[in-house]
Amino acid sequence: MKNFVVKTIANAGALAVAVWLLDKITLTGDSTGKKAGTLILVALIFGVVNFLVKPIVKLFSLPLLILTLGLFTLVVNALMLLLTSWLADKVDLSFHVEGFWTAVLGGLIISIVSWALHVILPDGD
């Protein structure tokens, strides 16, 4: 349970950095508290998408991952971010990623920041 909370906080922090750095990834809300709550909910959706969908997509794209020496992972991360944006829209959360290339750059930022936060934050291991 503690590991789940730490990963969700790390994902929320990484998403916040992507929102802050990229104009085409938007998070709207009336107050800072509402934005933080929305960010936590989007991080939960992002975590579920990465847990359930990403392994299947990586399995089917294995030949491309091997052919590109793993660089196709950037495309997979972008697709997961776009799927998260679509799901957030379906549950009426104010988080939106505009365009594929924004998602590629956002996925790269999220991966780097999430990795750094996982190194810093304790995870119960």
Protein backbone atom coordinates (compact mmCIF):
# COMPACT_ATOMS: atom_id res chain seq x y z
CA MET A 1 0.00 0.00 0.00
CA LYS A 2 2.82 2.38 0.91
CA ASN A 3 4.54 1.66 -2.41
CA PHE A 4 1.29 2.47 -4.28
CA VAL A 5 0.98 5.83 -2.50
CA VAL A 6 4.61 6.71 -3.22
CA LYS A 7 4.23 5.82 -6.91
CA THR A 8 1.05 7.87 -7.17
CA ILE A 9 2.75 10.88 -5.56
CA ALA A 10 5.73 10.49 -7.89
CA ASN A 11 3.41 10.28 -10.92
CA ALA A 12 1.50 13.36 -9.74
CA GLY A 13 4.75 15.27 -9.32
CA ALA A 14 5.97 14.19 -12.75
CA LEU A 15 2.66 15.19 -14.34
CA ALA A 16 2.83 18.55 -12.56
CA VAL A 17 6.28 19.21 -14.02
CA ALA A 18 5.03 18.32 -17.51
CA VAL A 19 2.04 20.67 -17.08
CA TRP A 20 4.39 23.40 -15.87
CA LEU A 21 6.90 23.00 -18.72
CA LEU A 22 4.60 22.41 -21.68
CA ASP A 23 1.88 24.85 -22.72
CA LYS A 24 -0.10 22.20 -24.61
CA ILE A 25 -0.54 19.99 -21.55
CA THR A 26 -3.19 21.77 -19.54
CA LEU A 27 -4.61 21.37 -16.07
CA THR A 28 -7.36 23.80 -15.16
CA GLY A 29 -9.17 24.44 -11.93
CA ASP A 30 -10.61 27.17 -9.74
CA SER A 31 -8.09 26.81 -6.93
CA THR A 32 -4.77 25.24 -6.16
CA GLY A 33 -6.50 22.60 -4.04
CA LYS A 34 -8.79 21.62 -6.90
CA LYS A 35 -5.82 21.42 -9.27
CA ALA A 36 -3.92 19.23 -6.79
CA GLY A 37 -6.91 16.93 -6.40
CA THR A 38 -7.31 16.68 -10.16
CA LEU A 39 -3.59 15.96 -10.49
CA ILE A 40 -3.82 13.10 -7.96
CA LEU A 41 -6.81 11.61 -9.82
CA VAL A 42 -5.02 11.92 -13.17
CA ALA A 43 -1.94 10.28 -11.60
CA LEU A 44 -4.15 7.38 -10.48
CA ILE A 45 -5.55 7.02 -14.01
CA PHE A 46 -2.01 7.23 -15.43
CA GLY A 47 -0.85 4.54 -13.01
CA VAL A 48 -3.70 2.21 -13.95
CA VAL A 49 -3.08 2.79 -17.67
CA ASN A 50 0.63 2.06 -17.22
CA PHE A 51 -0.13 -1.05 -15.16
CA LEU A 52 -2.84 -2.56 -17.38
CA VAL A 53 -2.38 -1.28 -20.94
CA LYS A 54 1.32 -0.50 -21.32
CA PRO A 55 2.60 -4.10 -20.95
CA ILE A 56 0.18 -5.28 -23.65
CA VAL A 57 1.21 -2.48 -26.02
CA LYS A 58 4.90 -3.18 -25.36
CA LEU A 59 4.38 -6.87 -26.06
CA PHE A 60 2.70 -6.21 -29.41
CA SER A 61 5.32 -3.61 -30.33
CA LEU A 62 8.27 -5.79 -29.32
CA PRO A 63 9.65 -6.05 -32.89
CA LEU A 64 9.66 -2.25 -33.19
CA LEU A 65 11.24 -1.91 -29.74
CA ILE A 66 14.03 -4.27 -30.78
CA LEU A 67 14.44 -2.66 -34.22
CA THR A 68 14.74 0.85 -32.75
CA LEU A 69 16.88 -0.29 -29.79
CA GLY A 70 14.18 0.79 -27.37
CA LEU A 71 13.48 4.25 -28.77
CA PHE A 72 9.96 3.17 -29.68
CA THR A 73 9.31 3.31 -25.93
CA LEU A 74 8.94 7.09 -26.38
CA VAL A 75 6.00 6.43 -28.72
CA VAL A 76 4.48 3.94 -26.27
CA ASN A 77 4.82 6.48 -23.42
CA ALA A 78 3.20 9.14 -25.60
CA LEU A 79 0.29 6.83 -26.38
CA MET A 80 -0.19 6.10 -22.66
CA LEU A 81 -0.25 9.84 -21.93
CA LEU A 82 -2.78 10.44 -24.71
CA LEU A 83 -4.92 7.58 -23.39
CA THR A 84 -4.74 9.10 -19.91
CA SER A 85 -5.85 12.45 -21.32
CA TRP A 86 -8.77 10.81 -23.13
CA LEU A 87 -9.84 8.89 -20.01
CA ALA A 88 -9.54 12.04 -17.88
CA ASP A 89 -11.84 13.80 -20.32
CA LYS A 90 -14.34 10.92 -20.08
CA VAL A 91 -14.50 11.20 -16.27
CA ASP A 92 -14.71 15.02 -16.51
CA LEU A 93 -11.26 15.88 -15.17
CA SER A 94 -9.69 19.09 -16.46
CA PHE A 95 -6.49 17.55 -17.84
CA HIS A 96 -5.70 17.64 -21.56
CA VAL A 97 -2.76 16.78 -23.79
CA GLU A 98 -2.92 18.45 -27.19
CA GLY A 99 -1.23 16.52 -29.97
CA PHE A 100 1.06 13.55 -30.43
CA TRP A 101 4.39 15.42 -30.35
CA THR A 102 3.40 17.20 -27.17
CA ALA A 103 2.62 13.77 -25.73
CA VAL A 104 6.06 12.47 -26.82
CA LEU A 105 7.83 15.36 -25.09
CA GLY A 106 5.50 15.11 -22.09
CA GLY A 107 6.12 11.37 -21.82
CA LEU A 108 9.86 11.98 -21.86
CA ILE A 109 9.59 14.63 -19.13
CA ILE A 110 7.31 12.43 -17.03
CA SER A 111 9.67 9.46 -17.37
CA ILE A 112 12.71 11.46 -16.27
CA VAL A 113 10.98 13.25 -13.38
CA SER A 114 9.21 10.09 -12.22
CA TRP A 115 12.50 8.17 -12.21
CA ALA A 116 14.18 10.96 -10.19
CA LEU A 117 11.32 11.06 -7.69
CA HIS A 118 11.37 7.28 -7.28
CA VAL A 119 15.07 7.52 -6.45
CA ILE A 120 14.42 10.25 -3.84
CA LEU A 121 11.17 9.01 -2.27
CA PRO A 122 11.16 5.93 -0.04
CA ASP A 123 9.21 3.02 -1.44
CA GLY A 124 9.03 0.53 1.41
CA ASP A 125 11.62 -1.91 0.01
